[in-house]
Amino acid sequence: MLLIAAALLTASMHSLGVVEAPVAPAAHSAAVVHAAAHLPEDGSVPRPVMTGVHLASDRVGLDRGPAFLTDLSSLGRADLLRAGRDRRVLATAEDHPPSATEVAAWWSGLTDDERETLTTLAPSVVGNLEGVPYSVRDRANRAVLVTGLADHSTAAAVTAMLGQVRDALVHEDGAPDRFLITLDTRGAGRAAIAVGDLDTAADVTVVVPGMFFTVTGQMADFTNTANDLYTEQATVAGLAAPGSGNGVAVVAWMGYRTPDLSNIMSLGMAKTGGERLARAVGGLRTIRDGDEPRVNIVAHSYGSTAALMALASGQMSADTLTVLGSPGSDVRTAADLAVRTGGVFVGDAHSDPIAGSGYFGTDPGSAGFGSTVLNLTGGVDAQGAGDVFRRPVGHNDYLKPGTASLHDVALIAVGRGDLVREQVRRGERGHDGLPQTSPDMYLVRPQDLQPRD
């Protein structure tokens, strides 16, 4: 058990692929002005009860939701600028936001000048609101990124985080564009980068990381992994099942804080991560209302626990779910998940000590769960293309180029899960047909036992 716990600690520390015009002054909202203009002189941030943009602690019970948006858009330029930098306003926008449907309705009701003013003066708010068009969010978040990197008063930890995001946005000529659709520099940080166009893609895949993934440590590698999956999906695009839109998009979604040494045993972050993931998927569905893409969730390690919980919560749905190296969850069967029938897939690499452990509950690859366990032994492409794929080894090999797992994930993401090979169900013997062996000790190295946060 201790070995499994240690492996869980280190399992996700390596990235999978290497393994954030003027308008006439508007009527001021007194509650917002009071909150944004009366901060402690020492720079500390009090912790009032969060009640939308109404920030005073004695205003408990005031509306969030649309009221937050109405108050925000009613501010004059100076007050909007202050509110856009207020950490309490940002916490509401990023932790307790209005629904994507409410945001989309509000945004569509604004004039072009009002939208431009909000984007320019409060980019940290606009860039993280689900329901705002992705191109606008990308522009807003890139402005935050540039400003933060140029500001010499920015804390060193934040500068390092922003530097990693900057690097993650770099791509080679001819490669798909990258869009910064989430950027939150509070604490350990959160970020999400889309490879490809979320507004038009027929297939959208959201990749969810596991333990010890941080924006500062792995955002660039994680985004490159998303690019590898994008490339693999493009190679099988000719096999794609009919869908709306054109092309594919893959989101490197580091939208939740992953566990570290202090909270490895807890499912609290999986729950929070699942809630944030549900909001992100809800935002996509709102933006693409009437032209929804195929939505695929690919989740690794602890990220699979978060995704399973989200899809069993009633708050989100997906066309497919592929979990890789999963430590399990409290979800008992695939029937409890809001996923299309036959759309749950499980990948277990050779010598992965986490896969099949059931550490956090039911193993999604167990007999009776109702999933398809992928045959990742490698070999010649079953579709007759002549390509040879190697089998993934260990916990961090699943989405590396050339693996059978990356190829299968790509097929699933374009709606062709019927083309993947199914593994023999687990029993007392290993799921590759060989006696189960102990985890490879190289997976647990002393230098990997240090928290990244």
Protein backbone atom coordinates (compact mmCIF):
# COMPACT_ATOMS: atom_id res chain seq x y z
CA MET A 1 0.00 0.00 0.00
CA LEU A 2 2.83 2.40 0.82
CA LEU A 3 4.43 1.71 -2.53
CA ILE A 4 1.17 2.45 -4.29
CA ALA A 5 0.78 5.67 -2.27
CA ALA A 6 4.31 6.70 -3.16
CA ALA A 7 3.68 5.94 -6.80
CA LEU A 8 0.48 7.98 -6.66
CA LEU A 9 2.50 10.86 -5.31
CA THR A 10 4.94 10.76 -8.18
CA ALA A 11 2.67 9.45 -10.92
CA SER A 12 1.71 12.74 -12.48
CA MET A 13 4.82 14.77 -11.79
CA HIS A 14 6.03 14.24 -15.34
CA SER A 15 4.12 15.54 -18.32
CA LEU A 16 2.20 12.95 -20.30
CA GLY A 17 3.89 13.69 -23.57
CA VAL A 18 7.42 13.84 -22.22
CA VAL A 19 5.91 12.42 -19.55
CA GLU A 20 -4.87 32.89 -17.82
CA ALA A 21 -12.56 51.93 -27.39
CA PRO A 22 -13.99 54.18 -24.73
CA VAL A 23 -17.66 54.41 -23.87
CA ALA A 24 -19.68 57.05 -22.13
CA PRO A 25 -19.51 56.80 -18.31
CA ALA A 26 -22.23 54.56 -16.96
CA ALA A 27 -24.14 54.82 -13.71
CA HIS A 28 -21.98 53.54 -10.87
CA SER A 29 -22.90 50.56 -8.78
CA ALA A 30 -22.36 51.78 -5.22
CA ALA A 31 -21.67 48.31 -3.87
CA VAL A 32 -18.92 47.65 -6.39
CA VAL A 33 -17.36 51.09 -6.10
CA HIS A 34 -17.28 50.79 -2.32
CA ALA A 35 -15.66 47.38 -2.51
CA ALA A 36 -13.11 48.17 -5.19
CA ALA A 37 -12.11 51.61 -3.92
CA HIS A 38 -11.83 50.86 -0.19
CA LEU A 39 -9.11 48.25 0.10
CA PRO A 40 -6.80 48.10 3.15
CA GLU A 41 -3.80 50.39 2.71
CA ASP A 42 -1.40 47.57 3.60
CA GLY A 43 -2.54 45.64 0.52
CA SER A 44 -4.03 42.76 2.45
CA VAL A 45 -7.20 41.18 1.18
CA PRO A 46 -10.02 40.66 3.68
CA ARG A 47 -12.18 37.58 3.30
CA PRO A 48 -15.82 38.64 3.17
CA VAL A 49 -18.57 36.26 2.20
CA MET A 50 -18.55 36.10 -1.59
CA THR A 51 -21.73 37.64 -2.92
CA GLY A 52 -21.09 38.50 -6.54
CA VAL A 53 -19.59 41.94 -7.11
CA HIS A 54 -21.25 43.14 -3.90
CA LEU A 55 -18.21 42.57 -1.77
CA ALA A 56 -18.91 43.95 1.72
CA SER A 57 -19.28 41.20 4.28
CA ASP A 58 -22.48 42.74 5.62
CA ARG A 59 -24.22 42.27 2.26
CA VAL A 60 -24.75 38.51 2.65
CA GLY A 61 -27.58 37.18 0.52
CA LEU A 62 -27.29 39.65 -2.34
CA ASP A 63 -27.52 38.18 -5.82
CA ARG A 64 -24.70 36.59 -7.74
CA GLY A 65 -25.28 35.37 -11.26
CA PRO A 66 -26.66 38.00 -13.62
CA ALA A 67 -26.42 40.68 -10.90
CA PHE A 68 -22.63 40.28 -10.90
CA LEU A 69 -22.55 40.88 -14.64
CA THR A 70 -25.00 43.80 -14.54
CA ASP A 71 -23.03 45.57 -11.84
CA LEU A 72 -19.75 44.94 -13.64
CA SER A 73 -20.93 46.41 -16.92
CA SER A 74 -22.48 49.44 -15.18
CA LEU A 75 -19.15 50.72 -13.85
CA GLY A 76 -17.33 53.72 -15.19
CA ARG A 77 -13.82 53.25 -16.56
CA ALA A 78 -11.87 54.07 -13.39
CA ASP A 79 -14.05 51.88 -11.20
CA LEU A 80 -14.02 49.05 -13.72
CA LEU A 81 -10.24 49.15 -13.81
CA ARG A 82 -10.09 48.89 -10.01
CA ALA A 83 -12.69 46.13 -9.91
CA GLY A 84 -10.81 44.21 -12.60
CA ARG A 85 -7.77 44.06 -10.31
CA ASP A 86 -9.65 43.30 -7.11
CA ARG A 87 -8.83 39.76 -6.03
CA ARG A 88 -12.29 39.38 -4.50
CA VAL A 89 -13.96 40.25 -7.79
CA LEU A 90 -11.64 37.82 -9.55
CA ALA A 91 -12.48 35.13 -7.01
CA THR A 92 -16.16 35.52 -7.77
CA ALA A 93 -15.58 35.45 -11.53
CA GLU A 94 -13.31 32.42 -11.35
CA ASP A 95 -14.65 30.41 -8.41
CA HIS A 96 -18.37 31.26 -8.24
CA PRO A 97 -19.15 32.57 -11.72
CA PRO A 98 -22.51 33.10 -13.38
CA SER A 99 -23.52 30.23 -15.63
CA ALA A 100 -22.25 30.15 -19.19
CA THR A 101 -25.82 30.70 -20.40
CA GLU A 102 -26.14 33.83 -18.25
CA VAL A 103 -22.78 35.11 -19.44
CA ALA A 104 -23.57 34.50 -23.10
CA ALA A 105 -26.90 36.33 -22.83
CA TRP A 106 -25.24 39.26 -21.03
CA TRP A 107 -22.37 39.46 -23.53
CA SER A 108 -24.68 39.40 -26.54
CA GLY A 109 -26.67 42.29 -25.05
CA LEU A 110 -23.65 44.59 -24.83
CA THR A 111 -22.59 47.05 -27.50
CA ASP A 112 -19.27 46.59 -29.27
CA ASP A 113 -17.84 49.54 -27.32
CA GLU A 114 -18.99 48.06 -24.00
CA ARG A 115 -17.40 44.71 -24.81
CA GLU A 116 -14.15 46.39 -25.80
CA THR A 117 -14.04 48.43 -22.60
CA LEU A 118 -14.66 45.37 -20.44
CA THR A 119 -12.03 43.35 -22.28
CA THR A 120 -9.46 46.14 -22.06
CA LEU A 121 -10.01 47.24 -18.46
CA ALA A 122 -10.99 43.95 -16.80
CA PRO A 123 -9.23 41.27 -18.89
CA SER A 124 -8.71 38.92 -15.93
CA VAL A 125 -12.47 38.77 -15.47
CA VAL A 126 -13.52 38.59 -19.12
CA GLY A 127 -10.82 36.05 -19.99
CA ASN A 128 -12.13 33.49 -17.52
CA LEU A 129 -15.90 33.73 -17.98
CA GLU A 130 -17.40 30.68 -19.65
CA GLY A 131 -19.85 31.94 -22.26
CA VAL A 132 -17.61 34.72 -23.58
CA PRO A 133 -16.36 33.88 -27.11
CA TYR A 134 -13.05 32.03 -27.07
CA SER A 135 -11.32 34.54 -29.34
CA VAL A 136 -12.17 37.32 -26.88
CA ARG A 137 -10.98 35.26 -23.93
CA ASP A 138 -7.72 34.50 -25.71
CA ARG A 139 -7.12 38.21 -26.37
CA ALA A 140 -7.97 39.17 -22.79
CA ASN A 141 -5.78 36.48 -21.24
CA ARG A 142 -2.87 37.25 -23.53
CA ALA A 143 -3.11 40.89 -22.39
CA VAL A 144 -2.89 39.73 -18.77
CA LEU A 145 0.07 37.56 -19.70
CA VAL A 146 1.98 40.36 -21.45
CA THR A 147 1.24 42.90 -18.71
CA GLY A 148 2.27 40.49 -15.98
CA LEU A 149 5.55 39.60 -17.63
CA ALA A 150 6.38 43.27 -18.22
CA ASP A 151 5.55 44.34 -14.66
CA HIS A 152 8.75 44.25 -12.61
CA SER A 153 6.72 44.26 -9.40
CA THR A 154 5.16 40.90 -10.25
CA ALA A 155 6.11 38.23 -7.72
CA ALA A 156 8.83 35.86 -8.89
CA ALA A 157 6.54 32.83 -8.57
CA VAL A 158 3.90 34.48 -10.76
CA THR A 159 6.51 35.53 -13.30
CA ALA A 160 7.69 31.92 -13.54
CA MET A 161 4.11 30.76 -14.01
CA LEU A 162 3.47 33.32 -16.74
CA GLY A 163 6.73 32.41 -18.43
CA GLN A 164 5.60 28.80 -18.66
CA VAL A 165 2.28 29.89 -20.18
CA ARG A 166 4.09 32.10 -22.67
CA ASP A 167 6.25 29.17 -23.71
CA ALA A 168 3.18 26.93 -24.00
CA LEU A 169 1.65 29.28 -26.56
CA VAL A 170 4.59 28.97 -28.95
CA HIS A 171 4.03 26.68 -31.91
CA GLU A 172 5.85 25.82 -35.10
CA ASP A 173 4.95 27.29 -38.45
CA GLY A 174 2.12 25.33 -40.00
CA ALA A 175 1.01 23.91 -36.65
CA PRO A 176 -2.49 24.71 -35.39
CA ASP A 177 -3.05 27.98 -33.57
CA ARG A 178 -3.14 27.95 -29.77
CA PHE A 179 -5.70 29.89 -27.72
CA LEU A 180 -5.29 30.89 -24.07
CA ILE A 181 -8.80 30.33 -22.76
CA THR A 182 -8.09 30.28 -19.01
CA LEU A 183 -5.46 32.11 -16.96
CA ASP A 184 -5.65 32.38 -13.18
CA THR A 185 -2.42 33.31 -11.41
CA ARG A 186 -3.73 32.93 -7.87
CA GLY A 187 -1.98 30.34 -5.74
CA ALA A 188 -0.67 27.40 -7.77
CA GLY A 189 -2.44 28.85 -10.81
CA ARG A 190 -4.81 27.49 -13.44
CA ALA A 191 -4.61 27.63 -17.21
CA ALA A 192 -6.15 26.08 -20.28
CA ILE A 193 -4.83 26.27 -23.83
CA ALA A 194 -6.78 25.07 -26.85
CA VAL A 195 -4.87 23.62 -29.78
CA GLY A 196 -7.15 24.25 -32.74
CA ASP A 197 -10.36 26.25 -33.13
CA LEU A 198 -13.02 25.50 -30.50
CA ASP A 199 -15.55 27.57 -32.44
CA THR A 200 -15.53 25.29 -35.48
CA ALA A 201 -14.05 21.90 -34.56
CA ALA A 202 -16.18 18.84 -35.16
CA ASP A 203 -14.35 16.97 -32.40
CA VAL A 204 -13.21 18.63 -29.17
CA THR A 205 -11.06 16.69 -26.73
CA VAL A 206 -10.34 17.96 -23.22
CA VAL A 207 -7.25 16.45 -21.60
CA VAL A 208 -7.27 16.44 -17.79
CA PRO A 209 -3.98 15.92 -15.90
CA GLY A 210 -3.29 14.14 -12.64
CA MET A 211 -1.27 14.69 -9.48
CA PHE A 212 1.55 17.20 -9.24
CA PHE A 213 0.77 18.87 -12.54
CA THR A 214 1.19 22.64 -12.09
CA VAL A 215 1.05 25.52 -14.52
CA THR A 216 4.56 26.56 -13.50
CA GLY A 217 5.99 23.08 -13.85
CA GLN A 218 4.31 21.46 -16.83
CA MET A 219 2.08 23.80 -18.86
CA ALA A 220 4.37 23.91 -21.89
CA ASP A 221 4.92 20.14 -21.98
CA PHE A 222 1.26 19.49 -21.31
CA THR A 223 0.23 21.74 -24.21
CA ASN A 224 2.71 19.99 -26.48
CA THR A 225 1.09 16.70 -25.45
CA ALA A 226 -2.27 18.15 -26.51
CA ASN A 227 -0.62 19.06 -29.81
CA ASP A 228 0.60 15.47 -30.23
CA LEU A 229 -2.95 14.22 -29.76
CA TYR A 230 -4.20 16.85 -32.23
CA THR A 231 -1.67 15.60 -34.79
CA GLU A 232 -2.66 11.96 -34.25
CA GLN A 233 -6.34 12.83 -34.60
CA ALA A 234 -5.57 14.65 -37.85
CA THR A 235 -3.95 11.49 -39.21
CA VAL A 236 -7.13 9.47 -38.62
CA ALA A 237 -9.50 12.25 -39.70
CA GLY A 238 -10.43 10.27 -42.81
CA LEU A 239 -11.97 7.63 -40.56
CA ALA A 240 -13.97 10.15 -38.51
CA ALA A 241 -17.63 9.53 -37.84
CA PRO A 242 -19.95 12.24 -39.22
CA GLY A 243 -20.21 15.27 -36.96
CA SER A 244 -20.89 18.99 -36.97
CA GLY A 245 -18.14 21.47 -37.79
CA ASN A 246 -14.75 20.78 -39.30
CA GLY A 247 -11.44 19.59 -37.93
CA VAL A 248 -10.44 18.90 -34.37
CA ALA A 249 -9.40 20.84 -31.27
CA VAL A 250 -7.64 19.57 -28.16
CA VAL A 251 -7.67 21.46 -24.87
CA ALA A 252 -4.74 21.17 -22.46
CA TRP A 253 -6.96 21.77 -19.44
CA MET A 254 -5.02 22.49 -16.27
CA GLY A 255 -8.15 24.05 -14.82
CA TYR A 256 -7.90 22.76 -11.26
CA ARG A 257 -5.29 22.49 -8.56
CA THR A 258 -3.95 18.97 -8.47
CA PRO A 259 -2.96 17.25 -5.21
CA ASP A 260 0.46 17.40 -3.58
CA LEU A 261 2.01 15.77 -0.54
CA SER A 262 -0.29 17.60 1.85
CA ASN A 263 -3.56 16.29 0.39
CA ILE A 264 -2.81 13.13 -1.56
CA MET A 265 -5.38 11.06 0.29
CA SER A 266 -8.24 13.51 -0.27
CA LEU A 267 -10.92 13.49 -2.95
CA GLY A 268 -11.64 17.18 -2.29
CA MET A 269 -9.59 18.38 -5.22
CA ALA A 270 -11.16 15.80 -7.50
CA LYS A 271 -14.57 17.17 -6.55
CA THR A 272 -13.50 20.77 -7.14
CA GLY A 273 -11.75 19.79 -10.33
CA GLY A 274 -14.86 18.00 -11.52
CA GLU A 275 -16.97 21.09 -10.86
CA ARG A 276 -14.57 23.29 -12.81
CA LEU A 277 -14.42 20.76 -15.63
CA ALA A 278 -18.22 20.73 -15.80
CA ARG A 279 -18.24 24.53 -16.13
CA ALA A 280 -15.67 24.38 -18.92
CA VAL A 281 -17.65 21.79 -20.88
CA GLY A 282 -20.84 23.74 -20.22
CA GLY A 283 -19.17 26.83 -21.65
CA LEU A 284 -18.23 24.93 -24.81
CA ARG A 285 -21.78 23.66 -25.27
CA THR A 286 -23.17 27.17 -24.78
CA ILE A 287 -20.79 28.72 -27.29
CA ARG A 288 -21.57 25.98 -29.82
CA ASP A 289 -25.33 25.86 -29.13
CA GLY A 290 -27.05 24.49 -32.22
CA ASP A 291 -23.75 23.25 -33.64
CA GLU A 292 -22.32 21.15 -30.83
CA PRO A 293 -19.13 19.20 -31.47
CA ARG A 294 -18.40 15.70 -30.33
CA VAL A 295 -17.04 16.17 -26.78
CA ASN A 296 -14.37 13.78 -25.55
CA ILE A 297 -12.75 13.72 -22.13
CA VAL A 298 -9.30 12.15 -21.82
CA ALA A 299 -8.21 11.98 -18.19
CA HIS A 300 -4.98 10.73 -16.66
CA SER A 301 -4.34 9.41 -13.15
CA TYR A 302 -6.05 11.57 -10.45
CA GLY A 303 -7.58 13.56 -13.31
CA SER A 304 -9.58 10.47 -14.19
CA THR A 305 -11.02 10.46 -10.67
CA ALA A 306 -12.11 14.08 -11.14
CA ALA A 307 -13.61 13.35 -14.56
CA LEU A 308 -15.50 10.28 -13.37
CA MET A 309 -16.97 12.26 -10.48
CA ALA A 310 -17.95 15.13 -12.80
CA LEU A 311 -19.69 12.84 -15.26
CA ALA A 312 -21.61 11.17 -12.44
CA SER A 313 -22.68 14.49 -10.88
CA GLY A 314 -25.43 15.38 -13.31
CA GLN A 315 -23.59 18.62 -14.13
CA MET A 316 -21.93 17.59 -17.39
CA SER A 317 -22.02 15.04 -20.16
CA ALA A 318 -19.64 13.79 -22.83
CA ASP A 319 -19.71 11.63 -25.92
CA THR A 320 -16.72 9.64 -24.76
CA LEU A 321 -14.55 9.28 -21.68
CA THR A 322 -11.11 7.70 -21.85
CA VAL A 323 -9.27 7.22 -18.56
CA LEU A 324 -5.58 6.40 -18.51
CA GLY A 325 -3.78 4.98 -15.49
CA SER A 326 -6.84 5.50 -13.30
CA PRO A 327 -6.75 5.01 -9.50
CA GLY A 328 -10.55 4.70 -9.55
CA SER A 329 -13.39 6.69 -7.99
CA ASP A 330 -16.65 6.26 -6.10
CA VAL A 331 -18.52 5.70 -9.39
CA ARG A 332 -19.68 2.08 -9.50
CA THR A 333 -20.57 1.53 -13.15
CA ALA A 334 -20.48 3.22 -16.55
CA ALA A 335 -24.27 3.42 -16.36
CA ASP A 336 -23.83 6.10 -13.67
CA LEU A 337 -21.92 8.33 -16.09
CA ALA A 338 -23.46 10.87 -18.48
CA VAL A 339 -21.56 9.35 -21.40
CA ARG A 340 -23.00 7.82 -24.56
CA THR A 341 -23.57 4.07 -24.37
CA GLY A 342 -20.34 2.25 -25.13
CA GLY A 343 -18.35 5.47 -24.79
CA VAL A 344 -16.23 4.66 -21.72
CA PHE A 345 -12.69 3.42 -22.43
CA VAL A 346 -9.89 2.45 -20.06
CA GLY A 347 -6.17 2.37 -20.83
CA ASP A 348 -3.76 0.45 -18.60
CA ALA A 349 -0.10 0.51 -19.59
CA HIS A 350 2.33 -2.30 -18.86
CA SER A 351 3.95 -1.87 -15.42
CA ASP A 352 1.69 1.01 -14.41
CA PRO A 353 1.22 0.60 -10.63
CA ILE A 354 -1.71 3.02 -10.52
CA ALA A 355 -3.89 1.53 -13.22
CA GLY A 356 -6.32 -0.98 -11.76
CA SER A 357 -5.36 -0.16 -8.16
CA GLY A 358 -8.87 1.00 -7.23
CA TYR A 359 -7.14 3.30 -4.75
CA PHE A 360 -10.00 5.81 -4.70
CA GLY A 361 -12.81 3.31 -5.18
CA THR A 362 -14.08 1.23 -8.06
CA ASP A 363 -11.63 0.48 -10.84
CA PRO A 364 -13.26 1.63 -14.12
CA GLY A 365 -11.50 -1.21 -15.94
CA SER A 366 -12.92 -3.95 -13.74
CA ALA A 367 -15.32 -6.56 -15.01
CA GLY A 368 -18.87 -5.35 -14.53
CA PHE A 369 -18.07 -1.63 -14.77
CA GLY A 370 -19.18 -1.53 -18.38
CA SER A 371 -16.10 -0.04 -20.02
CA THR A 372 -13.93 -1.10 -22.93
CA VAL A 373 -10.42 -1.92 -21.73
CA LEU A 374 -7.98 -1.05 -24.50
CA ASN A 375 -5.53 -3.60 -25.81
CA LEU A 376 -2.32 -1.60 -25.71
CA THR A 377 0.14 -4.35 -26.57
CA GLY A 378 1.11 -2.52 -29.74
CA GLY A 379 1.81 -3.94 -33.17
CA VAL A 380 0.68 -3.19 -36.69
CA ASP A 381 -2.16 -0.72 -37.25
CA ALA A 382 -5.41 -2.68 -37.28
CA GLN A 383 -6.81 -0.27 -39.88
CA GLY A 384 -4.33 -1.50 -42.47
CA ALA A 385 -2.23 1.64 -42.76
CA GLY A 386 0.91 -0.32 -42.06
CA ASP A 387 1.96 1.78 -39.07
CA VAL A 388 3.53 0.01 -36.13
CA PHE A 389 2.72 1.22 -32.63
CA ARG A 390 4.64 0.37 -29.48
CA ARG A 391 2.93 -0.43 -26.23
CA PRO A 392 3.10 2.20 -23.47
CA VAL A 393 5.14 1.36 -20.39
CA GLY A 394 4.71 2.87 -16.93
CA HIS A 395 2.36 5.57 -15.74
CA ASN A 396 3.43 8.50 -17.91
CA ASP A 397 3.73 6.98 -21.36
CA TYR A 398 0.13 6.96 -22.57
CA LEU A 399 0.08 10.01 -24.85
CA LYS A 400 3.58 9.85 -26.26
CA PRO A 401 3.88 9.75 -30.06
CA GLY A 402 4.15 6.27 -31.49
CA THR A 403 2.22 4.52 -28.73
CA ALA A 404 -0.78 2.31 -29.29
CA SER A 405 -2.56 4.29 -26.56
CA LEU A 406 -2.19 7.66 -28.34
CA HIS A 407 -3.50 6.10 -31.54
CA ASP A 408 -6.50 4.55 -29.78
CA VAL A 409 -7.32 7.80 -27.98
CA ALA A 410 -7.28 9.60 -31.34
CA LEU A 411 -9.64 7.04 -32.89
CA ILE A 412 -12.03 7.36 -29.95
CA ALA A 413 -11.92 11.17 -30.17
CA VAL A 414 -13.05 11.19 -33.81
CA GLY A 415 -15.96 8.93 -33.04
CA ARG A 416 -14.36 5.63 -34.08
CA GLY A 417 -14.06 3.82 -30.81
CA ASP A 418 -15.41 0.81 -32.68
CA LEU A 419 -12.00 0.44 -34.32
CA VAL A 420 -9.95 -0.02 -31.16
CA ARG A 421 -8.99 -3.45 -29.88
CA GLU A 422 -10.40 -4.60 -26.56
CA GLN A 423 -8.26 -6.17 -23.88
CA VAL A 424 -9.07 -9.35 -22.03
CA ARG A 425 -10.78 -8.51 -18.75
CA ARG A 426 -8.74 -8.48 -15.59
CA GLY A 427 -8.60 -11.48 -13.34
CA GLU A 428 -5.97 -12.77 -11.01
CA ARG A 429 -3.47 -12.57 -13.83
CA GLY A 430 -2.24 -9.36 -15.33
CA HIS A 431 -4.48 -7.73 -17.93
CA ASP A 432 -1.79 -8.37 -20.53
CA GLY A 433 -2.22 -12.11 -19.91
CA LEU A 434 0.94 -12.37 -17.82
CA PRO A 435 1.24 -12.81 -14.05
CA GLN A 436 0.91 -9.48 -12.30
CA THR A 437 4.32 -8.08 -11.32
CA SER A 438 5.46 -5.46 -8.85
CA PRO A 439 5.67 -1.83 -9.99
CA ASP A 440 8.91 -0.77 -11.57
CA MET A 441 11.00 0.89 -8.92
CA TYR A 442 12.23 3.56 -11.32
CA LEU A 443 8.77 5.10 -11.03
CA VAL A 444 9.50 6.04 -7.42
CA ARG A 445 12.59 8.20 -7.27
CA PRO A 446 13.67 10.33 -4.26
CA GLN A 447 13.87 13.46 -6.38
CA ASP A 448 10.24 12.95 -7.43
CA LEU A 449 8.95 13.04 -3.87
CA GLN A 450 9.14 16.83 -3.63
CA PRO A 451 5.95 18.90 -3.97
CA ARG A 452 5.81 21.31 -6.89
CA ASP A 453 3.40 23.80 -5.24
